[in-house]
């Protein structure tokens, strides 16, 4: 019995160490739930593309971000906020449903909580 438990714990620990940060699902609302991984927050947003794009650019403006690249046709914005590199990616699923991905890194190290805060601000702006 104890040996079986020990094998399971060892297996799960080794899987966790080899995979890295295991993503998990959070939240509801305009977003049908979103996932926070090692460096990004991703969720499906019930809004049209224009609303997602406008909310994203507005939040970056409020955060006093330096826009490095903005390509509306590709749905990608790269910006810098207080030395943190932020990338926002919007992919259309259908007319009124978009996949929003916000990633954040500082000195090549992931900043998932910063990405989550920007993601949630964009969602709030959309509402």
N, C-alpha and C. Protein backbone atom coordinates (compact mmCIF):
# COMPACT_ATOMS: atom_id res chain seq x y z
N UNK A 1 0.83 -1.19 0.00
CA UNK A 1 0.00 0.00 0.00
C UNK A 1 0.87 1.25 0.00
N UNK A 2 1.78 1.35 0.97
CA UNK A 2 2.66 2.51 1.07
C UNK A 2 3.59 2.58 -0.13
N UNK A 3 4.04 1.42 -0.60
CA UNK A 3 4.93 1.37 -1.75
C UNK A 3 4.22 1.92 -2.99
N UNK A 4 2.96 1.57 -3.18
CA UNK A 4 2.16 2.07 -4.31
C UNK A 4 2.03 3.59 -4.23
N UNK A 5 1.75 4.09 -3.04
CA UNK A 5 1.64 5.54 -2.83
C UNK A 5 2.96 6.24 -3.16
N UNK A 6 4.06 5.68 -2.69
CA UNK A 6 5.38 6.25 -2.92
C UNK A 6 5.72 6.27 -4.42
N UNK A 7 5.36 5.24 -5.14
CA UNK A 7 5.60 5.18 -6.58
C UNK A 7 4.81 6.27 -7.30
N UNK A 8 3.53 6.45 -6.91
CA UNK A 8 2.70 7.48 -7.53
C UNK A 8 3.25 8.87 -7.27
N UNK A 9 3.66 9.16 -6.04
CA UNK A 9 4.21 10.47 -5.69
C UNK A 9 5.50 10.71 -6.46
N UNK A 10 6.36 9.71 -6.54
CA UNK A 10 7.61 9.84 -7.29
C UNK A 10 7.34 10.10 -8.77
N UNK A 11 6.38 9.39 -9.33
CA UNK A 11 6.03 9.58 -10.74
C UNK A 11 5.50 10.99 -10.98
N UNK A 12 4.56 11.43 -10.17
CA UNK A 12 3.99 12.77 -10.36
C UNK A 12 5.03 13.86 -10.18
N UNK A 13 5.92 13.68 -9.22
CA UNK A 13 6.99 14.66 -9.01
C UNK A 13 7.92 14.71 -10.20
N UNK A 14 8.29 13.55 -10.72
CA UNK A 14 9.20 13.54 -11.87
C UNK A 14 8.54 14.13 -13.11
N UNK A 15 7.26 13.86 -13.31
CA UNK A 15 6.54 14.45 -14.44
C UNK A 15 6.48 15.96 -14.27
N UNK A 16 6.18 16.43 -13.08
CA UNK A 16 6.11 17.88 -12.82
C UNK A 16 7.44 18.55 -13.06
N UNK A 17 8.54 17.89 -12.70
CA UNK A 17 9.86 18.49 -12.88
C UNK A 17 10.28 18.50 -14.34
N UNK A 18 9.88 17.49 -15.11
CA UNK A 18 10.30 17.46 -16.50
C UNK A 18 9.43 18.33 -17.38
N UNK A 19 8.18 18.52 -17.01
CA UNK A 19 7.28 19.32 -17.83
C UNK A 19 7.47 20.81 -17.56
N UNK A 20 7.83 21.19 -16.38
CA UNK A 20 7.93 22.60 -16.02
C UNK A 20 6.68 23.03 -15.30
N UNK A 21 6.30 24.25 -15.50
CA UNK A 21 5.12 24.79 -14.84
C UNK A 21 3.87 24.19 -15.47
N UNK A 22 3.08 23.52 -14.71
CA UNK A 22 1.87 22.90 -15.22
C UNK A 22 0.76 23.95 -15.27
N UNK A 23 0.16 24.15 -16.44
CA UNK A 23 -0.89 25.16 -16.55
C UNK A 23 -2.15 24.75 -15.81
N UNK A 24 -2.95 25.74 -15.43
CA UNK A 24 -4.23 25.45 -14.79
C UNK A 24 -5.26 26.46 -15.24
N UNK A 25 -6.53 26.06 -15.14
CA UNK A 25 -7.65 26.88 -15.60
C UNK A 25 -8.22 27.70 -14.46
N UNK A 26 -8.55 28.97 -14.76
CA UNK A 26 -9.08 29.89 -13.78
C UNK A 26 -10.20 30.70 -14.42
N UNK A 27 -11.09 31.23 -13.61
CA UNK A 27 -11.98 32.31 -14.01
C UNK A 27 -13.16 31.97 -14.91
N UNK A 28 -14.10 32.91 -14.95
CA UNK A 28 -15.27 32.84 -15.82
C UNK A 28 -15.69 34.25 -16.19
N UNK A 29 -16.83 34.41 -16.84
CA UNK A 29 -17.33 35.73 -17.21
C UNK A 29 -17.35 35.88 -18.72
N UNK A 30 -16.88 37.05 -19.24
CA UNK A 30 -16.77 37.26 -20.68
C UNK A 30 -15.84 36.19 -21.25
N UNK A 31 -14.91 35.75 -20.42
CA UNK A 31 -14.01 34.68 -20.80
C UNK A 31 -14.62 33.39 -20.29
N UNK A 32 -14.66 32.38 -21.10
CA UNK A 32 -15.19 31.10 -20.68
C UNK A 32 -14.20 30.33 -19.84
N UNK A 33 -13.37 31.01 -19.09
CA UNK A 33 -12.28 30.42 -18.32
C UNK A 33 -10.98 30.73 -19.05
N UNK A 34 -9.91 30.88 -18.31
CA UNK A 34 -8.64 31.12 -18.97
C UNK A 34 -7.56 30.28 -18.31
N UNK A 35 -6.47 30.10 -19.02
CA UNK A 35 -5.38 29.27 -18.56
C UNK A 35 -4.17 30.14 -18.25
N UNK A 36 -3.55 29.88 -17.13
CA UNK A 36 -2.31 30.57 -16.76
C UNK A 36 -1.21 29.53 -16.80
N UNK A 37 -0.19 29.77 -17.65
CA UNK A 37 0.92 28.83 -17.74
C UNK A 37 2.18 29.50 -17.22
N UNK A 38 3.34 28.98 -17.60
CA UNK A 38 4.58 29.51 -17.05
C UNK A 38 4.90 30.94 -17.45
N UNK A 39 4.39 31.43 -18.58
CA UNK A 39 4.69 32.82 -18.94
C UNK A 39 3.52 33.53 -19.60
N UNK A 40 2.33 32.92 -19.64
CA UNK A 40 1.24 33.58 -20.33
C UNK A 40 -0.12 33.25 -19.72
N UNK A 41 -1.07 34.10 -20.08
CA UNK A 41 -2.48 33.87 -19.75
C UNK A 41 -3.20 33.77 -21.09
N UNK A 42 -4.01 32.73 -21.25
CA UNK A 42 -4.72 32.49 -22.51
C UNK A 42 -6.19 32.21 -22.19
N UNK A 43 -7.06 32.81 -22.99
CA UNK A 43 -8.47 32.54 -22.81
C UNK A 43 -9.27 32.89 -24.05
N UNK A 44 -10.45 32.30 -24.15
CA UNK A 44 -11.36 32.62 -25.25
C UNK A 44 -12.32 33.69 -24.77
N UNK A 45 -12.36 34.78 -25.53
CA UNK A 45 -13.13 35.96 -25.16
C UNK A 45 -14.35 36.07 -26.07
N UNK A 46 -15.51 36.28 -25.46
CA UNK A 46 -16.74 36.44 -26.23
C UNK A 46 -16.90 37.92 -26.59
N UNK A 47 -16.23 38.32 -27.65
CA UNK A 47 -16.27 39.70 -28.16
C UNK A 47 -15.75 39.66 -29.59
N UNK A 48 -16.04 40.72 -30.35
CA UNK A 48 -15.52 40.75 -31.71
C UNK A 48 -14.05 41.18 -31.70
N UNK A 49 -13.41 40.98 -32.84
CA UNK A 49 -11.97 41.26 -32.95
C UNK A 49 -11.64 42.72 -32.62
N UNK A 50 -12.44 43.63 -33.15
CA UNK A 50 -12.20 45.06 -32.97
C UNK A 50 -12.22 45.44 -31.48
N UNK A 51 -13.18 44.90 -30.73
CA UNK A 51 -13.26 45.20 -29.30
C UNK A 51 -12.02 44.69 -28.55
N UNK A 52 -11.56 43.50 -28.91
CA UNK A 52 -10.35 42.95 -28.28
C UNK A 52 -9.12 43.80 -28.60
N UNK A 53 -9.00 44.18 -29.87
CA UNK A 53 -7.85 44.99 -30.28
C UNK A 53 -7.87 46.35 -29.58
N UNK A 54 -9.02 47.00 -29.59
CA UNK A 54 -9.13 48.32 -28.97
C UNK A 54 -8.88 48.26 -27.46
N UNK A 55 -9.42 47.25 -26.80
CA UNK A 55 -9.20 47.11 -25.35
C UNK A 55 -7.72 46.85 -25.05
N UNK A 56 -7.08 46.05 -25.87
CA UNK A 56 -5.65 45.75 -25.66
C UNK A 56 -4.80 47.01 -25.82
N UNK A 57 -5.04 47.76 -26.87
CA UNK A 57 -4.24 48.98 -27.08
C UNK A 57 -4.54 50.03 -26.01
N UNK A 58 -5.78 50.08 -25.54
CA UNK A 58 -6.14 51.03 -24.49
C UNK A 58 -5.45 50.68 -23.17
N UNK A 59 -5.42 49.42 -22.82
CA UNK A 59 -4.75 49.01 -21.58
C UNK A 59 -3.25 49.29 -21.67
N UNK A 60 -2.66 49.04 -22.82
CA UNK A 60 -1.24 49.35 -22.98
C UNK A 60 -0.99 50.85 -22.87
N UNK A 61 -1.90 51.66 -23.39
CA UNK A 61 -1.77 53.11 -23.27
C UNK A 61 -1.88 53.53 -21.80
N UNK A 62 -2.84 52.98 -21.09
CA UNK A 62 -3.01 53.30 -19.66
C UNK A 62 -1.78 52.88 -18.86
N UNK A 63 -1.19 51.75 -19.21
CA UNK A 63 0.00 51.25 -18.51
C UNK A 63 1.28 51.98 -18.94
N UNK A 64 1.13 52.95 -19.84
CA UNK A 64 2.27 53.71 -20.37
C UNK A 64 3.31 52.80 -21.01
N UNK A 65 2.81 51.88 -21.82
CA UNK A 65 3.68 50.92 -22.49
C UNK A 65 4.35 51.56 -23.69
N UNK A 66 5.56 51.14 -23.95
CA UNK A 66 6.26 51.52 -25.18
C UNK A 66 5.92 50.44 -26.21
N UNK A 67 5.18 50.82 -27.25
CA UNK A 67 4.78 49.87 -28.29
C UNK A 67 5.98 49.63 -29.20
N UNK A 68 6.41 48.40 -29.28
CA UNK A 68 7.54 48.03 -30.13
C UNK A 68 7.06 47.63 -31.51
N UNK A 69 5.96 46.87 -31.54
CA UNK A 69 5.39 46.42 -32.81
C UNK A 69 3.90 46.23 -32.62
N UNK A 70 3.13 46.68 -33.58
CA UNK A 70 1.68 46.46 -33.57
C UNK A 70 1.25 46.12 -34.98
N UNK A 71 0.77 44.91 -35.16
CA UNK A 71 0.32 44.45 -36.48
C UNK A 71 -1.11 43.95 -36.33
N UNK A 72 -2.05 44.82 -36.64
CA UNK A 72 -3.46 44.50 -36.46
C UNK A 72 -3.91 43.35 -37.35
N UNK A 73 -3.36 43.25 -38.56
CA UNK A 73 -3.77 42.18 -39.46
C UNK A 73 -3.35 40.80 -38.93
N UNK A 74 -2.25 40.74 -38.19
CA UNK A 74 -1.80 39.49 -37.59
C UNK A 74 -2.28 39.33 -36.16
N UNK A 75 -2.86 40.38 -35.60
CA UNK A 75 -3.37 40.33 -34.24
C UNK A 75 -2.29 40.26 -33.19
N UNK A 76 -1.16 40.95 -33.44
CA UNK A 76 -0.02 40.87 -32.52
C UNK A 76 0.45 42.25 -32.10
N UNK A 77 0.65 42.41 -30.81
CA UNK A 77 1.22 43.65 -30.26
C UNK A 77 2.39 43.25 -29.36
N UNK A 78 3.53 43.85 -29.61
CA UNK A 78 4.69 43.67 -28.72
C UNK A 78 4.96 45.02 -28.07
N UNK A 79 5.13 45.00 -26.75
CA UNK A 79 5.32 46.24 -26.01
C UNK A 79 6.26 45.99 -24.84
N UNK A 80 6.67 47.09 -24.22
CA UNK A 80 7.52 47.03 -23.05
C UNK A 80 6.90 47.89 -21.97
N UNK A 81 6.69 47.30 -20.80
CA UNK A 81 6.15 48.01 -19.65
C UNK A 81 7.14 47.81 -18.50
N UNK A 82 7.78 48.88 -18.08
CA UNK A 82 8.74 48.81 -16.96
C UNK A 82 9.73 47.66 -17.14
N UNK A 83 10.39 47.60 -18.26
CA UNK A 83 11.40 46.59 -18.60
C UNK A 83 10.85 45.17 -18.72
N UNK A 84 9.54 45.03 -18.74
CA UNK A 84 8.93 43.72 -18.96
C UNK A 84 8.41 43.68 -20.39
N UNK A 85 8.84 42.67 -21.14
CA UNK A 85 8.39 42.49 -22.52
C UNK A 85 7.02 41.82 -22.50
N UNK A 86 6.06 42.47 -23.10
CA UNK A 86 4.68 41.97 -23.14
C UNK A 86 4.30 41.70 -24.59
N UNK A 87 3.74 40.55 -24.85
CA UNK A 87 3.23 40.23 -26.18
C UNK A 87 1.76 39.86 -26.04
N UNK A 88 0.94 40.51 -26.85
CA UNK A 88 -0.49 40.23 -26.88
C UNK A 88 -0.80 39.66 -28.25
N UNK A 89 -1.48 38.52 -28.28
CA UNK A 89 -1.84 37.87 -29.53
C UNK A 89 -3.34 37.61 -29.51
N UNK A 90 -4.02 38.04 -30.57
CA UNK A 90 -5.46 37.84 -30.71
C UNK A 90 -5.70 36.99 -31.96
N UNK A 91 -6.35 35.84 -31.78
CA UNK A 91 -6.70 34.96 -32.89
C UNK A 91 -8.21 34.82 -32.94
N UNK A 92 -8.78 35.02 -34.12
CA UNK A 92 -10.23 34.87 -34.28
C UNK A 92 -10.62 33.41 -34.34
N UNK A 93 -11.58 33.05 -33.51
CA UNK A 93 -12.16 31.71 -33.56
C UNK A 93 -13.40 31.77 -34.45
N UNK A 94 -14.24 32.76 -34.21
CA UNK A 94 -15.33 33.11 -35.11
C UNK A 94 -15.61 34.60 -34.92
N UNK A 95 -16.68 35.10 -35.51
CA UNK A 95 -16.93 36.55 -35.53
C UNK A 95 -16.99 37.17 -34.13
N UNK A 96 -17.60 36.49 -33.19
CA UNK A 96 -17.76 37.03 -31.84
C UNK A 96 -17.03 36.23 -30.77
N UNK A 97 -15.97 35.54 -31.16
CA UNK A 97 -15.17 34.78 -30.20
C UNK A 97 -13.70 34.84 -30.62
N UNK A 98 -12.87 35.31 -29.70
CA UNK A 98 -11.44 35.48 -29.98
C UNK A 98 -10.64 34.71 -28.93
N UNK A 99 -9.46 34.27 -29.32
CA UNK A 99 -8.51 33.71 -28.36
C UNK A 99 -7.50 34.80 -28.04
N UNK A 100 -7.43 35.18 -26.78
CA UNK A 100 -6.52 36.23 -26.33
C UNK A 100 -5.38 35.59 -25.54
N UNK A 101 -4.16 35.92 -25.93
CA UNK A 101 -2.97 35.38 -25.26
C UNK A 101 -2.08 36.55 -24.87
N UNK A 102 -1.76 36.64 -23.59
CA UNK A 102 -0.87 37.69 -23.09
C UNK A 102 0.32 37.00 -22.43
N UNK A 103 1.52 37.29 -22.92
CA UNK A 103 2.72 36.74 -22.30
C UNK A 103 3.59 37.88 -21.81
N UNK A 104 4.36 37.59 -20.77
CA UNK A 104 5.23 38.61 -20.18
C UNK A 104 6.54 37.97 -19.75
N UNK A 105 7.63 38.66 -20.07
CA UNK A 105 8.98 38.20 -19.68
C UNK A 105 9.84 39.40 -19.33
N UNK A 106 10.69 39.20 -18.35
CA UNK A 106 11.66 40.22 -17.97
C UNK A 106 13.02 39.54 -17.93
N UNK A 107 13.94 40.05 -18.73
CA UNK A 107 15.28 39.46 -18.86
C UNK A 107 15.18 37.96 -19.19
N UNK A 108 14.29 37.60 -20.11
CA UNK A 108 14.07 36.24 -20.59
C UNK A 108 13.42 35.33 -19.54
N UNK A 109 13.07 35.85 -18.38
CA UNK A 109 12.41 35.05 -17.35
C UNK A 109 10.91 35.32 -17.38
N UNK A 110 10.10 34.27 -17.32
CA UNK A 110 8.65 34.44 -17.38
C UNK A 110 8.09 35.21 -16.19
N UNK A 111 7.07 36.01 -16.45
CA UNK A 111 6.35 36.76 -15.43
C UNK A 111 4.85 36.47 -15.58
N UNK A 112 4.43 35.26 -15.17
CA UNK A 112 3.03 34.87 -15.40
C UNK A 112 2.02 35.74 -14.67
N UNK A 113 2.32 36.20 -13.49
CA UNK A 113 1.36 37.03 -12.76
C UNK A 113 1.19 38.40 -13.40
N UNK A 114 2.25 38.93 -13.99
CA UNK A 114 2.14 40.19 -14.71
C UNK A 114 1.29 39.99 -15.97
N UNK A 115 1.52 38.88 -16.68
CA UNK A 115 0.71 38.56 -17.86
C UNK A 115 -0.75 38.41 -17.46
N UNK A 116 -1.00 37.77 -16.34
CA UNK A 116 -2.37 37.59 -15.86
C UNK A 116 -3.02 38.94 -15.54
N UNK A 117 -2.27 39.84 -14.92
CA UNK A 117 -2.86 41.15 -14.57
C UNK A 117 -3.22 41.94 -15.82
N UNK A 118 -2.38 41.90 -16.86
CA UNK A 118 -2.69 42.60 -18.11
C UNK A 118 -3.89 41.93 -18.79
N UNK A 119 -3.91 40.60 -18.80
CA UNK A 119 -5.01 39.85 -19.39
C UNK A 119 -6.34 40.26 -18.73
N UNK A 120 -6.37 40.27 -17.41
CA UNK A 120 -7.60 40.60 -16.68
C UNK A 120 -8.02 42.05 -16.91
N UNK A 121 -7.06 42.95 -17.04
CA UNK A 121 -7.39 44.36 -17.33
C UNK A 121 -8.01 44.48 -18.72
N UNK A 122 -7.50 43.73 -19.67
CA UNK A 122 -8.08 43.75 -21.02
C UNK A 122 -9.51 43.22 -20.98
N UNK A 123 -9.73 42.11 -20.27
CA UNK A 123 -11.07 41.54 -20.15
C UNK A 123 -12.03 42.54 -19.51
N UNK A 124 -11.57 43.20 -18.47
CA UNK A 124 -12.41 44.19 -17.80
C UNK A 124 -12.75 45.36 -18.74
N UNK A 125 -11.79 45.76 -19.55
CA UNK A 125 -12.01 46.84 -20.52
C UNK A 125 -13.04 46.40 -21.57
N UNK A 126 -13.02 45.15 -21.96
CA UNK A 126 -13.97 44.64 -22.95
C UNK A 126 -15.39 44.65 -22.38
N UNK A 127 -15.52 44.31 -21.11
CA UNK A 127 -16.84 44.27 -20.48
C UNK A 127 -17.45 45.63 -20.48
